[in-house]
Amino acid sequence: MKNEQFECMFDSVLTDVVKQTYSNLSLPSIEQIQISMKKMMDHIEANHGWSPGIDR
């Protein structure tokens, strides 16, 4: 079997597994993800005084 065939087969199997695994889960919307990330960032900044964008 050629390497390309194997990769293609692997990709399709992996995709099917992911679809079967996650198709019945309700994934959060972009807005929900952004809100939760903002909450997490606020929490980190409040607790550790860490602010993004400063590389030191």
Protein backbone atom coordinates (compact mmCIF):
# COMPACT_ATOMS: atom_id res chain seq x y z
CA MET A 1 0.00 0.00 0.00
CA LYS A 2 1.32 3.43 -0.91
CA ASN A 3 1.86 6.00 1.79
CA GLU A 4 -0.68 8.40 0.25
CA GLN A 5 -3.37 5.71 0.27
CA PHE A 6 -2.65 4.97 3.90
CA GLU A 7 -2.83 8.64 4.88
CA CYS A 8 -6.10 9.09 3.01
CA MET A 9 -7.61 6.00 4.64
CA PHE A 10 -6.36 7.11 8.05
CA ASP A 11 -7.84 10.59 7.57
CA SER A 12 -11.24 9.24 6.56
CA VAL A 13 -11.36 6.78 9.45
CA LEU A 14 -10.28 9.48 11.88
CA THR A 15 -12.92 11.85 10.50
CA ASP A 16 -15.63 9.21 10.92
CA VAL A 17 -14.56 8.52 14.49
CA VAL A 18 -14.60 12.22 15.32
CA LYS A 19 -18.03 12.66 13.71
CA GLN A 20 -19.45 9.68 15.61
CA THR A 21 -17.92 10.87 18.86
CA TYR A 22 -18.95 14.50 18.65
CA SER A 23 -22.10 14.46 16.52
CA ASN A 24 -24.34 13.94 19.56
CA LEU A 25 -22.63 16.63 21.63
CA SER A 26 -23.84 20.19 21.45
CA LEU A 27 -20.79 22.25 20.69
CA PRO A 28 -20.61 25.76 22.15
CA SER A 29 -21.08 28.68 19.82
CA ILE A 30 -18.28 31.11 18.97
CA GLU A 31 -19.84 33.68 21.30
CA GLN A 32 -19.93 31.24 24.22
CA ILE A 33 -16.29 30.32 23.63
CA GLN A 34 -15.27 34.00 23.52
CA ILE A 35 -17.21 34.78 26.70
CA SER A 36 -15.68 31.87 28.59
CA MET A 37 -12.18 32.79 27.36
CA LYS A 38 -12.70 36.39 28.48
CA LYS A 39 -13.84 35.18 31.91
CA MET A 40 -10.76 32.96 32.13
CA MET A 41 -8.45 35.82 31.13
CA ASP A 42 -10.07 38.15 33.68
CA HIS A 43 -9.66 35.48 36.33
CA ILE A 44 -5.98 34.97 35.48
CA GLU A 45 -5.29 38.71 35.46
CA ALA A 46 -7.07 39.20 38.79
CA ASN A 47 -5.27 36.34 40.51
CA HIS A 48 -1.79 36.51 39.07
CA GLY A 49 -1.38 40.00 37.71
CA TRP A 50 -0.53 38.48 34.34
CA SER A 51 -1.46 40.53 31.32
CA PRO A 52 -1.27 39.28 27.74
CA GLY A 53 0.94 41.06 25.25
CA ILE A 54 3.86 41.64 27.60
CA ASP A 55 6.72 39.28 26.85
CA ARG A 56 9.14 39.34 29.76
